[in-house]
Amino acid sequence: MRNAMEWRTATVTLTQQIAEDVRLLEFAVDGPLPPFDPGSHSNFRVRIGGAPAVRTYSLLPAPAGHLRVVVKLHERSRGGSRFMWAFAAGDRTELTLPENRFELSWRAPYYLLLAGGIGITPIFGMARALRSRDIPMRLVYGARSRARMAFLPELQEEIGDLAVYDSSMGERIDVAAEIAALPPDGELYACGPIAMLDAVKSAWQQAGRGAGRLRYEVFGDSGPFAEESFRVAILNRDIEVEVRPDQTLLDALSEAGVEMIHDCRRGECGICAVRVIEHSSAIDHRDVFFSPEERQKESRICACVSRFVGGRALIDIGYRR
């Protein structure tokens, strides 16, 4: 596991709405701040329903000693985005030093960058870094409307090969065509909603491309179903927990004293996956770890992001008496 977090205190120095439902936040970090590359993220301590929680946000290029993030106010927020949006200049908070699980390889002669919605956050820094080194690249940016596209004016000015898709106008990214146009030794970096990433992974595989030249990151844990409460019993443990709409299965189990192994908390590594024995409702898979075939089996679930659509379930976390 790579999740060795070093927490620091920081002061909010800037809040600015830069697109519809999108706010930029800047933090001055106490103590020395090491340099970080595009694709890095930090964790923030938040409070949701009066209880402490941790939320993760990708980092933007920022002045020395500062960290910058953009936060989308989600329609079905579990509380993290609302908490972050309440920050005002001068407020104090706690965050972790940057960590990178989505770093550029710097080995390819050409890069294709795909961003969906607020997934532009890590892609923005990558595009700037590649352009500053005159490395050939193409940036494809899609969102529900142009009003929701953060950094669009800056990108139009700075990035030469930029394709913009506005879904409110019926425009859609042709993922297969973009991959087909990518040189054989090029690399693809994508960040966006799960449906987009699933399409990217499927098209990449169908094109016969090497898995090592595709990197992706999910920007959130939204799924096709609205969040509902559900109950989960643990095999071989006399414990049953209720998972609220505003919390994850992993958090609910941890609060109940159930020891869980986990790392990324973003549905990427699969370390927190547990076996599903019984369930009375559908599984709302919000991870990017399981394949479509594995999801259809409904035999495992990533506790950090995925959930059940109401009802009750019995899971096996591996505990044996």
C-alpha atoms as a PDB file:
ATOM      1  CA  MET A   1       0.000   0.000   0.000  1.00  0.00           C
ATOM      2  CA  ARG A   2       1.195   3.493  -0.854  1.00  0.00           C
ATOM      3  CA  ASN A   3      -1.117   5.425   1.429  1.00  0.00           C
ATOM      4  CA  ALA A   4       1.476   6.880   3.863  1.00  0.00           C
ATOM      5  CA  MET A   5      -0.167  10.248   4.496  1.00  0.00           C
ATOM      6  CA  GLU A   6       1.597  13.188   6.134  1.00  0.00           C
ATOM      7  CA  TRP A   7      -0.954  15.676   7.454  1.00  0.00           C
ATOM      8  CA  ARG A   8      -0.386  19.438   7.556  1.00  0.00           C
ATOM      9  CA  THR A   9      -2.450  22.436   8.571  1.00  0.00           C
ATOM     10  CA  ALA A  10      -3.230  25.050   5.941  1.00  0.00           C
ATOM     11  CA  THR A  11      -5.033  28.369   5.480  1.00  0.00           C
ATOM     12  CA  VAL A  12      -7.533  29.146   2.730  1.00  0.00           C
ATOM     13  CA  THR A  13      -6.119  32.018   0.663  1.00  0.00           C
ATOM     14  CA  LEU A  14      -8.500  32.053  -2.319  1.00  0.00           C
ATOM     15  CA  THR A  15     -11.998  30.908  -3.252  1.00  0.00           C
ATOM     16  CA  GLN A  16     -13.268  31.573  -6.762  1.00  0.00           C
ATOM     17  CA  GLN A  17     -16.103  30.150  -8.819  1.00  0.00           C
ATOM     18  CA  ILE A  18     -14.629  29.373 -12.236  1.00  0.00           C
ATOM     19  CA  ALA A  19     -17.513  27.519 -13.920  1.00  0.00           C
ATOM     20  CA  GLU A  20     -21.076  26.479 -13.209  1.00  0.00           C
ATOM     21  CA  ASP A  21     -21.030  24.505  -9.926  1.00  0.00           C
ATOM     22  CA  VAL A  22     -17.197  24.538  -9.932  1.00  0.00           C
ATOM     23  CA  ARG A  23     -15.117  26.433  -7.362  1.00  0.00           C
ATOM     24  CA  LEU A  24     -11.348  26.872  -7.152  1.00  0.00           C
ATOM     25  CA  LEU A  25      -9.774  26.770  -3.679  1.00  0.00           C
ATOM     26  CA  GLU A  26      -6.205  27.721  -2.773  1.00  0.00           C
ATOM     27  CA  PHE A  27      -4.447  26.781   0.473  1.00  0.00           C
ATOM     28  CA  ALA A  28      -1.215  28.087   2.005  1.00  0.00           C
ATOM     29  CA  VAL A  29       0.412  25.051   3.622  1.00  0.00           C
ATOM     30  CA  ASP A  30       2.219  25.343   6.954  1.00  0.00           C
ATOM     31  CA  GLY A  31       5.835  24.208   6.700  1.00  0.00           C
ATOM     32  CA  PRO A  32       7.890  23.232   3.653  1.00  0.00           C
ATOM     33  CA  LEU A  33       5.929  21.891   0.690  1.00  0.00           C
ATOM     34  CA  PRO A  34       7.847  19.564  -1.658  1.00  0.00           C
ATOM     35  CA  PRO A  35       7.366  19.954  -5.411  1.00  0.00           C
ATOM     36  CA  PHE A  36       4.761  17.712  -7.026  1.00  0.00           C
ATOM     37  CA  ASP A  37       3.980  16.581 -10.560  1.00  0.00           C
ATOM     38  CA  PRO A  38       0.721  16.737 -12.545  1.00  0.00           C
ATOM     39  CA  GLY A  39      -1.726  14.021 -11.509  1.00  0.00           C
ATOM     40  CA  SER A  40      -1.007  14.438  -7.790  1.00  0.00           C
ATOM     41  CA  HIS A  41      -3.738  14.647  -5.174  1.00  0.00           C
ATOM     42  CA  SER A  42      -4.203  15.588  -1.518  1.00  0.00           C
ATOM     43  CA  ASN A  43      -6.620  14.382   1.129  1.00  0.00           C
ATOM     44  CA  PHE A  44      -8.694  16.844   3.156  1.00  0.00           C
ATOM     45  CA  ARG A  45     -10.311  16.433   6.550  1.00  0.00           C
ATOM     46  CA  VAL A  46     -13.987  17.353   6.321  1.00  0.00           C
ATOM     47  CA  ARG A  47     -17.034  16.989   8.544  1.00  0.00           C
ATOM     48  CA  ILE A  48     -20.217  15.428   7.211  1.00  0.00           C
ATOM     49  CA  GLY A  49     -23.293  15.304   9.395  1.00  0.00           C
ATOM     50  CA  GLY A  50     -21.108  16.309  12.329  1.00  0.00           C
ATOM     51  CA  ALA A  51     -18.793  13.313  11.850  1.00  0.00           C
ATOM     52  CA  PRO A  52     -15.176  13.488  10.614  1.00  0.00           C
ATOM     53  CA  ALA A  53     -14.417  12.181   7.129  1.00  0.00           C
ATOM     54  CA  VAL A  54     -11.691  12.360   4.489  1.00  0.00           C
ATOM     55  CA  ARG A  55     -12.129  13.456   0.877  1.00  0.00           C
ATOM     56  CA  THR A  56      -9.557  13.405  -1.931  1.00  0.00           C
ATOM     57  CA  TYR A  57      -9.054  16.070  -4.617  1.00  0.00           C
ATOM     58  CA  SER A  58      -6.665  16.303  -7.554  1.00  0.00           C
ATOM     59  CA  LEU A  59      -4.175  19.163  -7.452  1.00  0.00           C
ATOM     60  CA  LEU A  60      -3.621  21.984  -9.917  1.00  0.00           C
ATOM     61  CA  PRO A  61      -0.454  23.943 -10.652  1.00  0.00           C
ATOM     62  CA  ALA A  62      -0.110  26.485  -7.810  1.00  0.00           C
ATOM     63  CA  PRO A  63       2.258  29.165  -6.451  1.00  0.00           C
ATOM     64  CA  ALA A  64       5.133  27.970  -4.272  1.00  0.00           C
ATOM     65  CA  GLY A  65       3.987  26.880  -0.809  1.00  0.00           C
ATOM     66  CA  HIS A  66       0.361  26.582  -1.935  1.00  0.00           C
ATOM     67  CA  LEU A  67      -2.002  23.852  -3.092  1.00  0.00           C
ATOM     68  CA  ARG A  68      -4.946  24.405  -5.421  1.00  0.00           C
ATOM     69  CA  VAL A  69      -7.989  22.211  -6.073  1.00  0.00           C
ATOM     70  CA  VAL A  70     -11.268  22.625  -7.879  1.00  0.00           C
ATOM     71  CA  VAL A  71     -14.429  21.236  -6.319  1.00  0.00           C
ATOM     72  CA  LYS A  72     -17.631  20.498  -8.186  1.00  0.00           C
ATOM     73  CA  LEU A  73     -20.794  20.892  -6.102  1.00  0.00           C
ATOM     74  CA  HIS A  74     -22.350  17.522  -6.828  1.00  0.00           C
ATOM     75  CA  GLU A  75     -26.113  17.215  -7.119  1.00  0.00           C
ATOM     76  CA  ARG A  76     -26.050  14.014  -5.044  1.00  0.00           C
ATOM     77  CA  SER A  77     -23.137  14.993  -2.841  1.00  0.00           C
ATOM     78  CA  ARG A  78     -22.454  12.855   0.225  1.00  0.00           C
ATOM     79  CA  GLY A  79     -21.409  16.089   1.920  1.00  0.00           C
ATOM     80  CA  GLY A  80     -17.770  16.538   0.938  1.00  0.00           C
ATOM     81  CA  SER A  81     -18.294  19.079  -1.820  1.00  0.00           C
ATOM     82  CA  ARG A  82     -20.750  21.093   0.285  1.00  0.00           C
ATOM     83  CA  PHE A  83     -18.183  21.242   3.091  1.00  0.00           C
ATOM     84  CA  MET A  84     -15.428  22.383   0.732  1.00  0.00           C
ATOM     85  CA  TRP A  85     -17.668  24.990  -0.863  1.00  0.00           C
ATOM     86  CA  ALA A  86     -18.284  26.534   2.574  1.00  0.00           C
ATOM     87  CA  PHE A  87     -14.609  27.511   2.926  1.00  0.00           C
ATOM     88  CA  ALA A  88     -13.814  31.229   3.058  1.00  0.00           C
ATOM     89  CA  ALA A  89     -10.485  33.041   2.924  1.00  0.00           C
ATOM     90  CA  GLY A  90      -8.739  32.763   6.284  1.00  0.00           C
ATOM     91  CA  ASP A  91     -10.329  29.444   7.286  1.00  0.00           C
ATOM     92  CA  ARG A  92      -7.984  26.767   8.630  1.00  0.00           C
ATOM     93  CA  THR A  93      -8.052  23.113   7.652  1.00  0.00           C
ATOM     94  CA  GLU A  94      -5.979  19.937   7.534  1.00  0.00           C
ATOM     95  CA  LEU A  95      -4.686  18.278   4.371  1.00  0.00           C
ATOM     96  CA  THR A  96      -2.009  15.814   3.310  1.00  0.00           C
ATOM     97  CA  LEU A  97       1.145  16.451   1.353  1.00  0.00           C
ATOM     98  CA  PRO A  98       0.725  15.626  -2.352  1.00  0.00           C
ATOM     99  CA  GLU A  99       0.822  12.017  -3.500  1.00  0.00           C
ATOM    100  CA  ASN A 100       0.773  10.840  -7.126  1.00  0.00           C
ATOM    101  CA  ARG A 101      -0.875   7.694  -8.464  1.00  0.00           C
ATOM    102  CA  PHE A 102      -1.618   9.163 -11.897  1.00  0.00           C
ATOM    103  CA  GLU A 103       1.788  10.370 -13.006  1.00  0.00           C
ATOM    104  CA  LEU A 104       2.914  10.928 -16.586  1.00  0.00           C
ATOM    105  CA  SER A 105       5.467   8.411 -17.825  1.00  0.00           C
ATOM    106  CA  TRP A 106       7.406  10.989 -19.888  1.00  0.00           C
ATOM    107  CA  ARG A 107       8.494   8.121 -22.157  1.00  0.00           C
ATOM    108  CA  ALA A 108       6.011   8.381 -25.035  1.00  0.00           C
ATOM    109  CA  PRO A 109       6.549  10.471 -28.169  1.00  0.00           C
ATOM    110  CA  TYR A 110       2.838  11.417 -28.260  1.00  0.00           C
ATOM    111  CA  TYR A 111       0.067  11.730 -25.678  1.00  0.00           C
ATOM    112  CA  LEU A 112      -3.721  11.657 -25.916  1.00  0.00           C
ATOM    113  CA  LEU A 113      -5.459  13.306 -22.935  1.00  0.00           C
ATOM    114  CA  LEU A 114      -9.194  12.696 -22.400  1.00  0.00           C
ATOM    115  CA  ALA A 115     -11.138  14.683 -19.776  1.00  0.00           C
ATOM    116  CA  GLY A 116     -14.793  14.372 -18.823  1.00  0.00           C
ATOM    117  CA  GLY A 117     -16.339  17.153 -16.722  1.00  0.00           C
ATOM    118  CA  ILE A 118     -14.384  17.907 -13.558  1.00  0.00           C
ATOM    119  CA  GLY A 119     -11.952  15.204 -14.670  1.00  0.00           C
ATOM    120  CA  ILE A 120     -10.129  18.079 -16.349  1.00  0.00           C
ATOM    121  CA  THR A 121      -8.405  18.788 -13.006  1.00  0.00           C
ATOM    122  CA  PRO A 122      -5.393  16.429 -13.341  1.00  0.00           C
ATOM    123  CA  ILE A 123      -5.478  16.623 -17.143  1.00  0.00           C
ATOM    124  CA  PHE A 124      -5.084  20.432 -17.054  1.00  0.00           C
ATOM    125  CA  GLY A 125      -1.710  20.190 -15.315  1.00  0.00           C
ATOM    126  CA  MET A 126      -0.585  17.395 -17.635  1.00  0.00           C
ATOM    127  CA  ALA A 127      -1.484  19.403 -20.733  1.00  0.00           C
ATOM    128  CA  ARG A 128       0.458  22.414 -19.472  1.00  0.00           C
ATOM    129  CA  ALA A 129       3.502  20.316 -18.585  1.00  0.00           C
ATOM    130  CA  LEU A 130       3.571  18.559 -21.950  1.00  0.00           C
ATOM    131  CA  ARG A 131       3.101  21.815 -23.839  1.00  0.00           C
ATOM    132  CA  SER A 132       5.920  23.469 -21.868  1.00  0.00           C
ATOM    133  CA  ARG A 133       8.270  20.724 -23.082  1.00  0.00           C
ATOM    134  CA  ASP A 134       6.960  20.805 -26.669  1.00  0.00           C
ATOM    135  CA  ILE A 135       5.881  17.156 -26.444  1.00  0.00           C
ATOM    136  CA  PRO A 136       3.197  16.349 -29.070  1.00  0.00           C
ATOM    137  CA  MET A 137      -0.237  15.859 -27.534  1.00  0.00           C
ATOM    138  CA  ARG A 138      -3.961  16.098 -28.167  1.00  0.00           C
ATOM    139  CA  LEU A 139      -6.482  17.152 -25.513  1.00  0.00           C
ATOM    140  CA  VAL A 140     -10.124  16.086 -25.771  1.00  0.00           C
ATOM    141  CA  TYR A 141     -12.505  17.728 -23.291  1.00  0.00           C
ATOM    142  CA  GLY A 142     -16.182  16.865 -22.898  1.00  0.00           C
ATOM    143  CA  ALA A 143     -18.830  18.033 -20.423  1.00  0.00           C
ATOM    144  CA  ARG A 144     -22.572  18.475 -20.022  1.00  0.00           C
ATOM    145  CA  SER A 145     -22.261  22.079 -21.245  1.00  0.00           C
ATOM    146  CA  ARG A 146     -19.594  24.678 -21.965  1.00  0.00           C
ATOM    147  CA  ALA A 147     -20.719  26.591 -18.870  1.00  0.00           C
ATOM    148  CA  ARG A 148     -19.551  23.630 -16.771  1.00  0.00           C
ATOM    149  CA  MET A 149     -16.094  23.444 -18.376  1.00  0.00           C
ATOM    150  CA  ALA A 150     -13.459  24.681 -15.945  1.00  0.00           C
ATOM    151  CA  PHE A 151     -10.363  26.295 -17.497  1.00  0.00           C
ATOM    152  CA  LEU A 152     -11.834  26.302 -21.007  1.00  0.00           C
ATOM    153  CA  PRO A 153     -10.629  29.843 -21.903  1.00  0.00           C
ATOM    154  CA  GLU A 154      -7.112  29.106 -20.629  1.00  0.00           C
ATOM    155  CA  LEU A 155      -6.938  25.822 -22.525  1.00  0.00           C
ATOM    156  CA  GLN A 156      -8.199  27.378 -25.750  1.00  0.00           C
ATOM    157  CA  GLU A 157      -5.457  29.971 -25.500  1.00  0.00           C
ATOM    158  CA  GLU A 158      -2.601  27.698 -24.419  1.00  0.00           C
ATOM    159  CA  ILE A 159      -3.262  24.328 -26.072  1.00  0.00           C
ATOM    160  CA  GLY A 160      -3.101  24.053 -29.834  1.00  0.00           C
ATOM    161  CA  ASP A 161      -4.737  20.671 -30.435  1.00  0.00           C
ATOM    162  CA  LEU A 162      -7.878  20.971 -28.289  1.00  0.00           C
ATOM    163  CA  ALA A 163     -11.199  19.282 -29.110  1.00  0.00           C
ATOM    164  CA  VAL A 164     -14.254  20.373 -27.094  1.00  0.00           C
ATOM    165  CA  TYR A 165     -17.510  18.414 -26.872  1.00  0.00           C
ATOM    166  CA  ASP A 166     -20.718  19.866 -25.386  1.00  0.00           C
ATOM    167  CA  SER A 167     -23.210  17.083 -24.662  1.00  0.00           C
ATOM    168  CA  SER A 168     -26.084  19.590 -24.333  1.00  0.00           C
ATOM    169  CA  MET A 169     -25.596  20.173 -28.065  1.00  0.00           C
ATOM    170  CA  GLY A 170     -25.660  16.470 -28.807  1.00  0.00           C
ATOM    171  CA  GLU A 171     -21.883  16.251 -29.150  1.00  0.00           C
ATOM    172  CA  ARG A 172     -20.117  13.073 -28.009  1.00  0.00           C
ATOM    173  CA  ILE A 173     -16.467  12.067 -27.864  1.00  0.00           C
ATOM    174  CA  ASP A 174     -15.719   9.318 -30.376  1.00  0.00           C
ATOM    175  CA  VAL A 175     -13.364   7.382 -28.134  1.00  0.00           C
ATOM    176  CA  ALA A 176     -12.659   4.652 -30.683  1.00  0.00           C
ATOM    177  CA  ALA A 177     -11.736   7.206 -33.359  1.00  0.00           C
ATOM    178  CA  GLU A 178      -9.431   9.077 -30.985  1.00  0.00           C
ATOM    179  CA  ILE A 179      -7.637   5.848 -30.085  1.00  0.00           C
ATOM    180  CA  ALA A 180      -7.382   4.840 -33.747  1.00  0.00           C
ATOM    181  CA  ALA A 181      -5.658   8.168 -34.516  1.00  0.00           C
ATOM    182  CA  LEU A 182      -3.143   7.737 -31.691  1.00  0.00           C
ATOM    183  CA  PRO A 183       0.313   6.591 -32.885  1.00  0.00           C
ATOM    184  CA  PRO A 184       1.115   2.974 -31.928  1.00  0.00           C
ATOM    185  CA  ASP A 185       3.681   4.056 -29.343  1.00  0.00           C
ATOM    186  CA  GLY A 186       1.491   6.861 -27.949  1.00  0.00           C
ATOM    187  CA  GLU A 187      -0.091   6.831 -24.503  1.00  0.00           C
ATOM    188  CA  LEU A 188      -3.612   7.696 -23.344  1.00  0.00           C
ATOM    189  CA  TYR A 189      -4.426   9.400 -20.042  1.00  0.00           C
ATOM    190  CA  ALA A 190      -8.100   9.734 -19.115  1.00  0.00           C
ATOM    191  CA  CYS A 191     -10.033  11.141 -16.181  1.00  0.00           C
ATOM    192  CA  GLY A 192     -13.800  11.420 -15.940  1.00  0.00           C
ATOM    193  CA  PRO A 193     -16.997   9.651 -14.909  1.00  0.00           C
ATOM    194  CA  ILE A 194     -17.070   5.890 -14.656  1.00  0.00           C
ATOM    195  CA  ALA A 195     -19.159   5.453 -17.832  1.00  0.00           C
ATOM    196  CA  MET A 196     -16.530   7.330 -19.817  1.00  0.00           C
ATOM    197  CA  LEU A 197     -13.661   5.327 -18.338  1.00  0.00           C
ATOM    198  CA  ASP A 198     -15.461   2.061 -19.060  1.00  0.00           C
ATOM    199  CA  ALA A 199     -15.857   3.153 -22.691  1.00  0.00           C
ATOM    200  CA  VAL A 200     -12.168   4.092 -22.865  1.00  0.00           C
ATOM    201  CA  LYS A 201     -11.009   0.767 -21.419  1.00  0.00           C
ATOM    202  CA  SER A 202     -13.289  -1.204 -23.744  1.00  0.00           C
ATOM    203  CA  ALA A 203     -12.200   0.699 -26.868  1.00  0.00           C
ATOM    204  CA  TRP A 204      -8.534   0.423 -25.881  1.00  0.00           C
ATOM    205  CA  GLN A 205      -8.809  -3.340 -25.468  1.00  0.00           C
ATOM    206  CA  GLN A 206     -10.738  -3.769 -28.725  1.00  0.00           C
ATOM    207  CA  ALA A 207      -8.023  -1.794 -30.520  1.00  0.00           C
ATOM    208  CA  GLY A 208      -5.458  -4.316 -29.280  1.00  0.00           C
ATOM    209  CA  ARG A 209      -3.436  -1.673 -27.461  1.00  0.00           C
ATOM    210  CA  GLY A 210      -1.012  -2.556 -24.671  1.00  0.00           C
ATOM    211  CA  ALA A 211      -2.418  -2.128 -21.173  1.00  0.00           C
ATOM    212  CA  GLY A 212       0.763  -0.379 -20.027  1.00  0.00           C
ATOM    213  CA  ARG A 213       0.090   2.620 -22.277  1.00  0.00           C
ATOM    214  CA  LEU A 214      -3.341   3.416 -20.818  1.00  0.00           C
ATOM    215  CA  ARG A 215      -3.634   5.331 -17.556  1.00  0.00           C
ATOM    216  CA  TYR A 216      -6.893   6.533 -16.039  1.00  0.00           C
ATOM    217  CA  GLU A 217      -8.291   8.024 -12.865  1.00  0.00           C
ATOM    218  CA  VAL A 218     -11.865   8.352 -11.688  1.00  0.00           C
ATOM    219  CA  PHE A 219     -12.673  11.822 -10.361  1.00  0.00           C
ATOM    220  CA  GLY A 220     -15.475  10.764  -8.057  1.00  0.00           C
ATOM    221  CA  ASP A 221     -17.688   7.912  -6.985  1.00  0.00           C
ATOM    222  CA  SER A 222     -20.994   8.820  -8.611  1.00  0.00           C
ATOM    223  CA  GLY A 223     -23.045   5.961  -9.987  1.00  0.00           C
ATOM    224  CA  PRO A 224     -26.236   5.335 -11.954  1.00  0.00           C
ATOM    225  CA  PHE A 225     -28.399   5.061  -8.816  1.00  0.00           C
ATOM    226  CA  ALA A 226     -29.286   7.619  -6.159  1.00  0.00           C
ATOM    227  CA  GLU A 227     -27.749   6.923  -2.760  1.00  0.00           C
ATOM    228  CA  GLU A 228     -30.038   5.065  -0.346  1.00  0.00           C
ATOM    229  CA  SER A 229     -29.558   3.571   3.083  1.00  0.00           C
ATOM    230  CA  PHE A 230     -28.870  -0.148   3.213  1.00  0.00           C
ATOM    231  CA  ARG A 231     -27.885  -2.713   5.819  1.00  0.00           C
ATOM    232  CA  VAL A 232     -24.948  -5.109   5.703  1.00  0.00           C
ATOM    233  CA  ALA A 233     -24.252  -8.143   7.890  1.00  0.00           C
ATOM    234  CA  ILE A 234     -20.728  -9.600   8.132  1.00  0.00           C
ATOM    235  CA  LEU A 235     -20.214 -13.351   7.808  1.00  0.00           C
ATOM    236  CA  ASN A 236     -18.849 -14.966  11.031  1.00  0.00           C
ATOM    237  CA  ARG A 237     -19.246 -11.694  12.920  1.00  0.00           C
ATOM    238  CA  ASP A 238     -22.262 -10.799  15.037  1.00  0.00           C
ATOM    239  CA  ILE A 239     -22.312  -7.365  13.449  1.00  0.00           C
ATOM    240  CA  GLU A 240     -24.826  -5.698  11.178  1.00  0.00           C
ATOM    241  CA  VAL A 241     -24.380  -2.065  10.145  1.00  0.00           C
ATOM    242  CA  GLU A 242     -26.562   0.503   8.453  1.00  0.00           C
ATOM    243  CA  VAL A 243     -24.875   2.511   5.717  1.00  0.00           C
ATOM    244  CA  ARG A 244     -26.296   6.001   5.376  1.00  0.00           C
ATOM    245  CA  PRO A 245     -26.707   7.685   1.986  1.00  0.00           C
ATOM    246  CA  ASP A 246     -23.932  10.140   2.899  1.00  0.00           C
ATOM    247  CA  GLN A 247     -21.288   7.530   3.813  1.00  0.00           C
ATOM    248  CA  THR A 248     -19.457   4.662   2.175  1.00  0.00           C
ATOM    249  CA  LEU A 249     -19.669   1.000   3.103  1.00  0.00           C
ATOM    250  CA  LEU A 250     -15.995   1.163   4.124  1.00  0.00           C
ATOM    251  CA  ASP A 251     -16.604   4.097   6.461  1.00  0.00           C
ATOM    252  CA  ALA A 252     -19.666   2.464   8.022  1.00  0.00           C
ATOM    253  CA  LEU A 253     -17.753  -0.760   8.686  1.00  0.00           C
ATOM    254  CA  SER A 254     -14.797   1.125  10.151  1.00  0.00           C
ATOM    255  CA  GLU A 255     -17.060   3.154  12.439  1.00  0.00           C
ATOM    256  CA  ALA A 256     -18.611  -0.117  13.671  1.00  0.00           C
ATOM    257  CA  GLY A 257     -15.159  -1.417  14.634  1.00  0.00           C
ATOM    258  CA  VAL A 258     -14.778  -3.801  11.699  1.00  0.00           C
ATOM    259  CA  GLU A 259     -11.108  -3.998  10.720  1.00  0.00           C
ATOM    260  CA  MET A 260     -10.750  -3.384   6.993  1.00  0.00           C
ATOM    261  CA  ILE A 261      -7.739  -3.381   4.685  1.00  0.00           C
ATOM    262  CA  HIS A 262      -7.873  -0.458   2.273  1.00  0.00           C
ATOM    263  CA  ASP A 263      -5.674   2.012   0.432  1.00  0.00           C
ATOM    264  CA  CYS A 264      -6.834   4.318  -2.382  1.00  0.00           C
ATOM    265  CA  ARG A 265     -10.446   4.974  -1.256  1.00  0.00           C
ATOM    266  CA  ARG A 266     -11.211   5.774  -4.913  1.00  0.00           C
ATOM    267  CA  GLY A 267     -12.257   2.401  -6.317  1.00  0.00           C
ATOM    268  CA  GLU A 268      -8.977   1.929  -8.158  1.00  0.00           C
ATOM    269  CA  CYS A 269      -6.786  -0.562  -6.260  1.00  0.00           C
ATOM    270  CA  GLY A 270      -9.334  -3.234  -5.224  1.00  0.00           C
ATOM    271  CA  ILE A 271      -7.686  -3.815  -1.850  1.00  0.00           C
ATOM    272  CA  CYS A 272     -10.941  -3.181   0.047  1.00  0.00           C
ATOM    273  CA  ALA A 273     -13.006  -5.544  -2.140  1.00  0.00           C
ATOM    274  CA  VAL A 274     -15.185  -7.968  -0.160  1.00  0.00           C
ATOM    275  CA  ARG A 275     -17.165 -11.038  -1.212  1.00  0.00           C
ATOM    276  CA  VAL A 276     -20.937 -10.730  -1.549  1.00  0.00           C
ATOM    277  CA  ILE A 277     -22.826 -13.757  -0.209  1.00  0.00           C
ATOM    278  CA  GLU A 278     -26.417 -12.495  -0.434  1.00  0.00           C
ATOM    279  CA  HIS A 279     -28.066  -9.249  -1.462  1.00  0.00           C
ATOM    280  CA  SER A 280     -31.676  -8.170  -1.844  1.00  0.00           C
ATOM    281  CA  SER A 281     -31.013  -5.276  -4.242  1.00  0.00           C
ATOM    282  CA  ALA A 282     -28.697  -4.428  -7.112  1.00  0.00           C
ATOM    283  CA  ILE A 283     -25.048  -3.545  -6.610  1.00  0.00           C
ATOM    284  CA  ASP A 284     -24.179   0.007  -7.639  1.00  0.00           C
ATOM    285  CA  HIS A 285     -20.605  -0.563  -8.887  1.00  0.00           C
ATOM    286  CA  ARG A 286     -18.699   2.729  -8.763  1.00  0.00           C
ATOM    287  CA  ASP A 287     -15.159   1.386  -9.035  1.00  0.00           C
ATOM    288  CA  VAL A 288     -12.768   1.149 -11.961  1.00  0.00           C
ATOM    289  CA  PHE A 289     -11.116  -1.995 -10.607  1.00  0.00           C
ATOM    290  CA  PHE A 290     -13.535  -4.739 -11.692  1.00  0.00           C
ATOM    291  CA  SER A 291     -14.136  -5.616 -15.333  1.00  0.00           C
ATOM    292  CA  PRO A 292     -17.674  -5.533 -16.773  1.00  0.00           C
ATOM    293  CA  GLU A 293     -17.714  -9.344 -16.630  1.00  0.00           C
ATOM    294  CA  GLU A 294     -16.736  -9.325 -12.946  1.00  0.00           C
ATOM    295  CA  ARG A 295     -19.395  -6.739 -12.163  1.00  0.00           C
ATOM    296  CA  GLN A 296     -22.090  -8.860 -13.814  1.00  0.00           C
ATOM    297  CA  LYS A 297     -21.269 -11.749 -11.491  1.00  0.00           C
ATOM    298  CA  GLU A 298     -22.106  -9.466  -8.515  1.00  0.00           C
ATOM    299  CA  SER A 299     -19.885 -11.605  -6.315  1.00  0.00           C
ATOM    300  CA  ARG A 300     -17.574  -8.835  -5.022  1.00  0.00           C
ATOM    301  CA  ILE A 301     -17.846  -5.162  -4.189  1.00  0.00           C
ATOM    302  CA  CYS A 302     -15.296  -2.390  -3.583  1.00  0.00           C
ATOM    303  CA  ALA A 303     -16.302  -1.133  -0.142  1.00  0.00           C
ATOM    304  CA  CYS A 304     -14.691   2.286  -0.557  1.00  0.00           C
ATOM    305  CA  VAL A 305     -17.008   3.566  -3.304  1.00  0.00           C
ATOM    306  CA  SER A 306     -19.576   0.970  -4.413  1.00  0.00           C
ATOM    307  CA  ARG A 307     -22.836   0.330  -2.586  1.00  0.00           C
ATOM    308  CA  PHE A 308     -26.120  -1.548  -2.617  1.00  0.00           C
ATOM    309  CA  VAL A 309     -29.323   0.039  -3.885  1.00  0.00           C
ATOM    310  CA  GLY A 310     -31.181  -0.277  -0.590  1.00  0.00           C
ATOM    311  CA  GLY A 311     -32.192  -3.488   1.137  1.00  0.00           C
ATOM    312  CA  ARG A 312     -29.881  -5.829   3.016  1.00  0.00           C
ATOM    313  CA  ALA A 313     -26.757  -7.793   2.125  1.00  0.00           C
ATOM    314  CA  LEU A 314     -24.447 -10.382   3.659  1.00  0.00           C
ATOM    315  CA  ILE A 315     -20.743  -9.922   2.937  1.00  0.00           C
ATOM    316  CA  ASP A 316     -17.573 -11.882   3.696  1.00  0.00           C
ATOM    317  CA  ILE A 317     -14.582  -9.755   4.720  1.00  0.00           C
ATOM    318  CA  GLY A 318     -12.397 -12.836   5.191  1.00  0.00           C
ATOM    319  CA  TYR A 319     -12.820 -13.086   8.976  1.00  0.00           C
ATOM    320  CA  ARG A 320     -12.666 -16.632  10.350  1.00  0.00           C
ATOM    321  CA  ARG A 321     -13.119 -17.631  13.961  1.00  0.00           C
END
